[in-house]
Amino acid sequence: MAYIYWASCPDLTYELASYMPDHAEGISYSTFRRYVSREALEANPWGEDALYRISCPDNWGRQFFRSELPSGVPTYYLYWSGFEIYFVPDDETVDFEEEQALALESEDA
């Protein structure tokens, strides 16, 4: 299954941005790249290969994680210098508002 760019941390509410790391596990670069292709890294709002350069194995300042959205949709994300970039399956429709509402509900529970 291929994963595509979904969002970065500034796009998310505090609750959703907090939810993701709370449900994450660290993974290797090779596991991350098994799901997130170079094309997915290049298809981002910045329109260049910046995410590909950041994610390269020789960049010591990044980490990779597998997590899930509050709705249960699996995600992979790249953490770099306090900034997260999220990828979701290309066959999923993910609604920001719904995910943010579910994250808020889970925080209240």
N, C-alpha and C. Protein backbone atom coordinates (compact mmCIF):
# COMPACT_ATOMS: atom_id res chain seq x y z
N MET A 1 0.85 -1.19 0.00
CA MET A 1 0.00 0.00 0.00
C MET A 1 0.89 1.24 0.00
N ALA A 2 0.59 2.18 -0.86
CA ALA A 2 1.35 3.42 -0.95
C ALA A 2 0.75 4.48 -0.03
N TYR A 3 1.62 5.26 0.55
CA TYR A 3 1.20 6.36 1.42
C TYR A 3 1.51 7.68 0.73
N ILE A 4 0.64 8.65 0.92
CA ILE A 4 0.79 9.96 0.30
C ILE A 4 0.86 11.05 1.37
N TYR A 5 1.39 12.20 0.99
CA TYR A 5 1.45 13.35 1.91
C TYR A 5 0.04 13.71 2.35
N TRP A 6 -0.13 13.93 3.66
CA TRP A 6 -1.43 14.32 4.19
C TRP A 6 -1.37 15.71 4.83
N ALA A 7 -0.42 15.92 5.72
CA ALA A 7 -0.38 17.19 6.45
C ALA A 7 0.98 17.33 7.14
N SER A 8 1.21 18.53 7.65
CA SER A 8 2.35 18.75 8.53
C SER A 8 1.82 19.35 9.83
N CYS A 9 2.65 19.37 10.85
CA CYS A 9 2.16 19.75 12.18
C CYS A 9 1.48 21.12 12.23
N PRO A 10 1.90 22.14 11.48
CA PRO A 10 1.19 23.41 11.58
C PRO A 10 -0.27 23.34 11.10
N ASP A 11 -0.60 22.29 10.31
CA ASP A 11 -1.96 22.14 9.80
C ASP A 11 -2.93 21.60 10.86
N LEU A 12 -2.40 21.03 11.94
CA LEU A 12 -3.22 20.31 12.91
C LEU A 12 -3.51 21.14 14.14
N THR A 13 -4.60 20.80 14.80
CA THR A 13 -4.88 21.43 16.10
C THR A 13 -3.92 20.83 17.13
N TYR A 14 -3.84 21.49 18.26
CA TYR A 14 -2.98 20.99 19.35
C TYR A 14 -3.37 19.57 19.74
N GLU A 15 -4.67 19.31 19.86
CA GLU A 15 -5.14 17.99 20.28
C GLU A 15 -4.72 16.89 19.31
N LEU A 16 -4.86 17.14 18.02
CA LEU A 16 -4.50 16.14 17.03
C LEU A 16 -2.98 15.98 16.95
N ALA A 17 -2.26 17.09 17.01
CA ALA A 17 -0.79 17.02 16.98
C ALA A 17 -0.26 16.30 18.21
N SER A 18 -0.96 16.38 19.33
CA SER A 18 -0.56 15.67 20.55
C SER A 18 -0.95 14.20 20.48
N TYR A 19 -2.06 13.90 19.84
CA TYR A 19 -2.55 12.53 19.73
C TYR A 19 -1.57 11.64 18.98
N MET A 20 -1.02 12.14 17.90
CA MET A 20 -0.18 11.33 17.02
C MET A 20 1.03 10.73 17.75
N PRO A 21 1.86 11.51 18.43
CA PRO A 21 3.01 10.90 19.11
C PRO A 21 2.60 9.99 20.27
N ASP A 22 1.48 10.27 20.88
CA ASP A 22 1.01 9.42 21.98
C ASP A 22 0.66 8.01 21.51
N HIS A 23 0.42 7.84 20.22
CA HIS A 23 0.04 6.54 19.65
C HIS A 23 1.07 6.03 18.64
N ALA A 24 2.29 6.52 18.76
CA ALA A 24 3.33 6.21 17.77
C ALA A 24 4.35 5.21 18.30
N GLU A 25 4.99 4.56 17.35
CA GLU A 25 6.15 3.73 17.66
C GLU A 25 7.24 4.09 16.66
N GLY A 26 8.47 4.13 17.14
CA GLY A 26 9.59 4.43 16.26
C GLY A 26 9.84 3.31 15.28
N ILE A 27 10.22 3.67 14.06
CA ILE A 27 10.52 2.68 13.02
C ILE A 27 11.82 3.08 12.34
N SER A 28 12.37 2.18 11.56
CA SER A 28 13.61 2.44 10.83
C SER A 28 13.34 3.22 9.55
N TYR A 29 14.42 3.77 9.00
CA TYR A 29 14.33 4.45 7.71
C TYR A 29 13.82 3.50 6.64
N SER A 30 14.33 2.26 6.64
CA SER A 30 13.92 1.32 5.60
C SER A 30 12.43 0.96 5.71
N THR A 31 11.91 0.86 6.91
CA THR A 31 10.47 0.61 7.06
C THR A 31 9.67 1.81 6.56
N PHE A 32 10.11 3.01 6.93
CA PHE A 32 9.43 4.23 6.47
C PHE A 32 9.39 4.27 4.95
N ARG A 33 10.52 4.01 4.30
CA ARG A 33 10.61 4.09 2.84
C ARG A 33 9.86 2.95 2.15
N ARG A 34 9.61 1.86 2.86
CA ARG A 34 8.81 0.77 2.30
C ARG A 34 7.38 1.26 2.04
N TYR A 35 6.91 2.20 2.84
CA TYR A 35 5.54 2.69 2.73
C TYR A 35 5.45 4.07 2.08
N VAL A 36 6.47 4.89 2.27
CA VAL A 36 6.47 6.26 1.75
C VAL A 36 7.54 6.36 0.67
N SER A 37 7.12 6.50 -0.57
CA SER A 37 8.05 6.52 -1.70
C SER A 37 8.70 7.90 -1.88
N ARG A 38 9.71 7.93 -2.72
CA ARG A 38 10.34 9.22 -3.05
C ARG A 38 9.30 10.15 -3.68
N GLU A 39 8.42 9.60 -4.51
CA GLU A 39 7.38 10.42 -5.14
C GLU A 39 6.47 11.06 -4.09
N ALA A 40 6.14 10.30 -3.05
CA ALA A 40 5.29 10.85 -1.98
C ALA A 40 6.03 11.93 -1.21
N LEU A 41 7.33 11.75 -1.04
CA LEU A 41 8.13 12.78 -0.35
C LEU A 41 8.26 14.04 -1.19
N GLU A 42 8.27 13.89 -2.50
CA GLU A 42 8.40 15.05 -3.37
C GLU A 42 7.06 15.74 -3.61
N ALA A 43 5.95 15.04 -3.40
CA ALA A 43 4.62 15.62 -3.62
C ALA A 43 4.14 16.27 -2.33
N ASN A 44 4.62 17.45 -2.09
CA ASN A 44 4.28 18.18 -0.86
C ASN A 44 4.07 19.65 -1.22
N PRO A 45 3.54 20.42 -0.30
CA PRO A 45 3.24 21.83 -0.62
C PRO A 45 4.44 22.69 -1.00
N TRP A 46 5.63 22.23 -0.67
CA TRP A 46 6.81 23.02 -0.96
C TRP A 46 7.29 22.84 -2.39
N GLY A 47 6.78 21.83 -3.10
CA GLY A 47 7.05 21.66 -4.52
C GLY A 47 8.49 21.39 -4.88
N GLU A 48 9.23 20.78 -4.02
CA GLU A 48 10.62 20.44 -4.30
C GLU A 48 10.96 19.15 -3.58
N ASP A 49 12.19 18.72 -3.68
CA ASP A 49 12.56 17.47 -3.03
C ASP A 49 13.10 17.67 -1.62
N ALA A 50 12.67 18.74 -0.94
CA ALA A 50 13.16 19.03 0.40
C ALA A 50 12.91 17.88 1.37
N LEU A 51 11.72 17.30 1.34
CA LEU A 51 11.43 16.20 2.26
C LEU A 51 12.28 14.98 1.95
N TYR A 52 12.56 14.76 0.69
CA TYR A 52 13.44 13.64 0.33
C TYR A 52 14.84 13.87 0.91
N ARG A 53 15.36 15.07 0.75
CA ARG A 53 16.69 15.38 1.30
C ARG A 53 16.71 15.25 2.82
N ILE A 54 15.65 15.73 3.47
CA ILE A 54 15.57 15.64 4.93
C ILE A 54 15.52 14.18 5.38
N SER A 55 14.80 13.35 4.66
CA SER A 55 14.59 11.97 5.09
C SER A 55 15.75 11.04 4.78
N CYS A 56 16.74 11.48 4.06
CA CYS A 56 17.84 10.61 3.66
C CYS A 56 18.55 10.01 4.88
N PRO A 57 19.08 8.81 4.72
CA PRO A 57 19.72 8.12 5.85
C PRO A 57 20.88 8.87 6.48
N ASP A 58 21.58 9.71 5.72
CA ASP A 58 22.72 10.42 6.29
C ASP A 58 22.33 11.69 7.05
N ASN A 59 21.06 11.99 7.13
CA ASN A 59 20.60 13.15 7.92
C ASN A 59 20.31 12.66 9.33
N TRP A 60 21.18 12.97 10.26
CA TRP A 60 21.06 12.45 11.62
C TRP A 60 19.90 13.11 12.39
N GLY A 61 19.38 14.21 11.94
CA GLY A 61 18.39 14.97 12.70
C GLY A 61 16.95 14.59 12.46
N ARG A 62 16.68 13.38 11.98
CA ARG A 62 15.30 13.01 11.73
C ARG A 62 15.00 11.65 12.33
N GLN A 63 13.71 11.42 12.59
CA GLN A 63 13.23 10.15 13.12
C GLN A 63 11.97 9.77 12.36
N PHE A 64 11.64 8.49 12.40
CA PHE A 64 10.48 7.98 11.66
C PHE A 64 9.57 7.23 12.61
N PHE A 65 8.26 7.36 12.36
CA PHE A 65 7.26 6.76 13.24
C PHE A 65 6.10 6.18 12.46
N ARG A 66 5.48 5.18 13.06
CA ARG A 66 4.21 4.64 12.60
C ARG A 66 3.21 5.01 13.70
N SER A 67 2.05 5.50 13.29
CA SER A 67 1.02 5.89 14.25
C SER A 67 -0.34 5.63 13.62
N GLU A 68 -1.36 6.20 14.22
CA GLU A 68 -2.69 6.14 13.61
C GLU A 68 -3.45 7.38 14.00
N LEU A 69 -4.36 7.75 13.11
CA LEU A 69 -5.24 8.87 13.39
C LEU A 69 -6.30 8.41 14.38
N PRO A 70 -7.00 9.33 15.02
CA PRO A 70 -8.05 8.94 15.97
C PRO A 70 -9.11 8.03 15.36
N SER A 71 -9.34 8.12 14.06
CA SER A 71 -10.32 7.26 13.39
C SER A 71 -9.78 5.86 13.12
N GLY A 72 -8.49 5.65 13.39
CA GLY A 72 -7.87 4.35 13.16
C GLY A 72 -7.10 4.24 11.86
N VAL A 73 -7.12 5.27 11.02
CA VAL A 73 -6.36 5.25 9.77
C VAL A 73 -4.87 5.22 10.11
N PRO A 74 -4.12 4.25 9.56
CA PRO A 74 -2.68 4.19 9.85
C PRO A 74 -1.94 5.34 9.20
N THR A 75 -0.91 5.80 9.86
CA THR A 75 -0.08 6.88 9.33
C THR A 75 1.39 6.54 9.53
N TYR A 76 2.21 7.12 8.69
CA TYR A 76 3.65 7.12 8.88
C TYR A 76 4.04 8.58 8.92
N TYR A 77 4.99 8.90 9.79
CA TYR A 77 5.42 10.30 9.78
C TYR A 77 6.90 10.44 10.04
N LEU A 78 7.38 11.56 9.54
CA LEU A 78 8.77 11.96 9.63
C LEU A 78 8.85 13.10 10.63
N TYR A 79 9.74 12.99 11.59
CA TYR A 79 9.97 14.05 12.57
C TYR A 79 11.34 14.64 12.28
N TRP A 80 11.37 15.95 12.12
CA TRP A 80 12.64 16.62 11.84
C TRP A 80 12.63 18.00 12.48
N SER A 81 13.53 18.23 13.40
CA SER A 81 13.72 19.55 14.00
C SER A 81 12.42 20.14 14.55
N GLY A 82 11.65 19.33 15.27
CA GLY A 82 10.40 19.80 15.87
C GLY A 82 9.24 19.90 14.91
N PHE A 83 9.39 19.33 13.74
CA PHE A 83 8.39 19.44 12.68
C PHE A 83 8.00 18.04 12.24
N GLU A 84 6.70 17.74 12.18
CA GLU A 84 6.24 16.43 11.73
C GLU A 84 5.56 16.55 10.37
N ILE A 85 5.80 15.55 9.53
CA ILE A 85 5.17 15.48 8.21
C ILE A 85 4.48 14.12 8.12
N TYR A 86 3.17 14.12 7.89
CA TYR A 86 2.34 12.93 7.97
C TYR A 86 1.96 12.41 6.59
N PHE A 87 1.90 11.07 6.49
CA PHE A 87 1.51 10.38 5.27
C PHE A 87 0.43 9.37 5.61
N VAL A 88 -0.60 9.28 4.76
CA VAL A 88 -1.71 8.34 4.95
C VAL A 88 -1.86 7.48 3.70
N PRO A 89 -2.55 6.33 3.82
CA PRO A 89 -2.75 5.48 2.64
C PRO A 89 -3.44 6.24 1.52
N ASP A 90 -2.99 6.02 0.29
CA ASP A 90 -3.56 6.77 -0.83
C ASP A 90 -4.99 6.38 -1.15
N ASP A 91 -5.48 5.31 -0.57
CA ASP A 91 -6.87 4.93 -0.82
C ASP A 91 -7.82 5.36 0.31
N GLU A 92 -7.33 6.16 1.23
CA GLU A 92 -8.15 6.64 2.35
C GLU A 92 -8.55 8.10 2.12
N THR A 93 -9.76 8.43 2.50
CA THR A 93 -10.19 9.82 2.54
C THR A 93 -10.16 10.24 4.00
N VAL A 94 -9.35 11.22 4.31
CA VAL A 94 -9.17 11.64 5.70
C VAL A 94 -9.66 13.08 5.84
N ASP A 95 -10.63 13.26 6.71
CA ASP A 95 -11.22 14.57 6.94
C ASP A 95 -10.57 15.22 8.17
N PHE A 96 -9.91 16.37 7.98
CA PHE A 96 -9.25 17.07 9.08
C PHE A 96 -10.20 17.33 10.24
N GLU A 97 -11.36 17.88 9.93
CA GLU A 97 -12.30 18.27 10.99
C GLU A 97 -12.73 17.07 11.82
N GLU A 98 -13.02 15.96 11.14
CA GLU A 98 -13.43 14.75 11.86
C GLU A 98 -12.30 14.23 12.75
N GLU A 99 -11.10 14.19 12.23
CA GLU A 99 -9.95 13.71 13.00
C GLU A 99 -9.69 14.60 14.21
N GLN A 100 -9.80 15.90 14.01
CA GLN A 100 -9.56 16.82 15.11
C GLN A 100 -10.64 16.67 16.19
N ALA A 101 -11.88 16.48 15.78
CA ALA A 101 -12.98 16.28 16.74
C ALA A 101 -12.76 14.98 17.52
N LEU A 102 -12.35 13.92 16.84
CA LEU A 102 -12.10 12.64 17.52
C LEU A 102 -10.92 12.75 18.49
N ALA A 103 -9.89 13.50 18.12
CA ALA A 103 -8.75 13.70 19.01
C ALA A 103 -9.19 14.46 20.26
N LEU A 104 -10.02 15.44 20.09
CA LEU A 104 -10.53 16.21 21.22
C LEU A 104 -11.37 15.33 22.13
N GLU A 105 -12.22 14.49 21.54
CA GLU A 105 -13.02 13.56 22.32
C GLU A 105 -12.16 12.59 23.11
N SER A 106 -11.10 12.09 22.50
CA SER A 106 -10.24 11.13 23.19
C SER A 106 -9.50 11.80 24.34
N GLU A 107 -9.22 13.08 24.22
CA GLU A 107 -8.55 13.82 25.30
C GLU A 107 -9.50 14.02 26.46
N ASP A 108 -10.78 14.20 26.17
CA ASP A 108 -11.78 14.41 27.22
C ASP A 108 -12.13 13.12 27.96
N ALA A 109 -11.89 11.98 27.31
CA ALA A 109 -12.30 10.69 27.91
C ALA A 109 -11.43 10.28 29.07
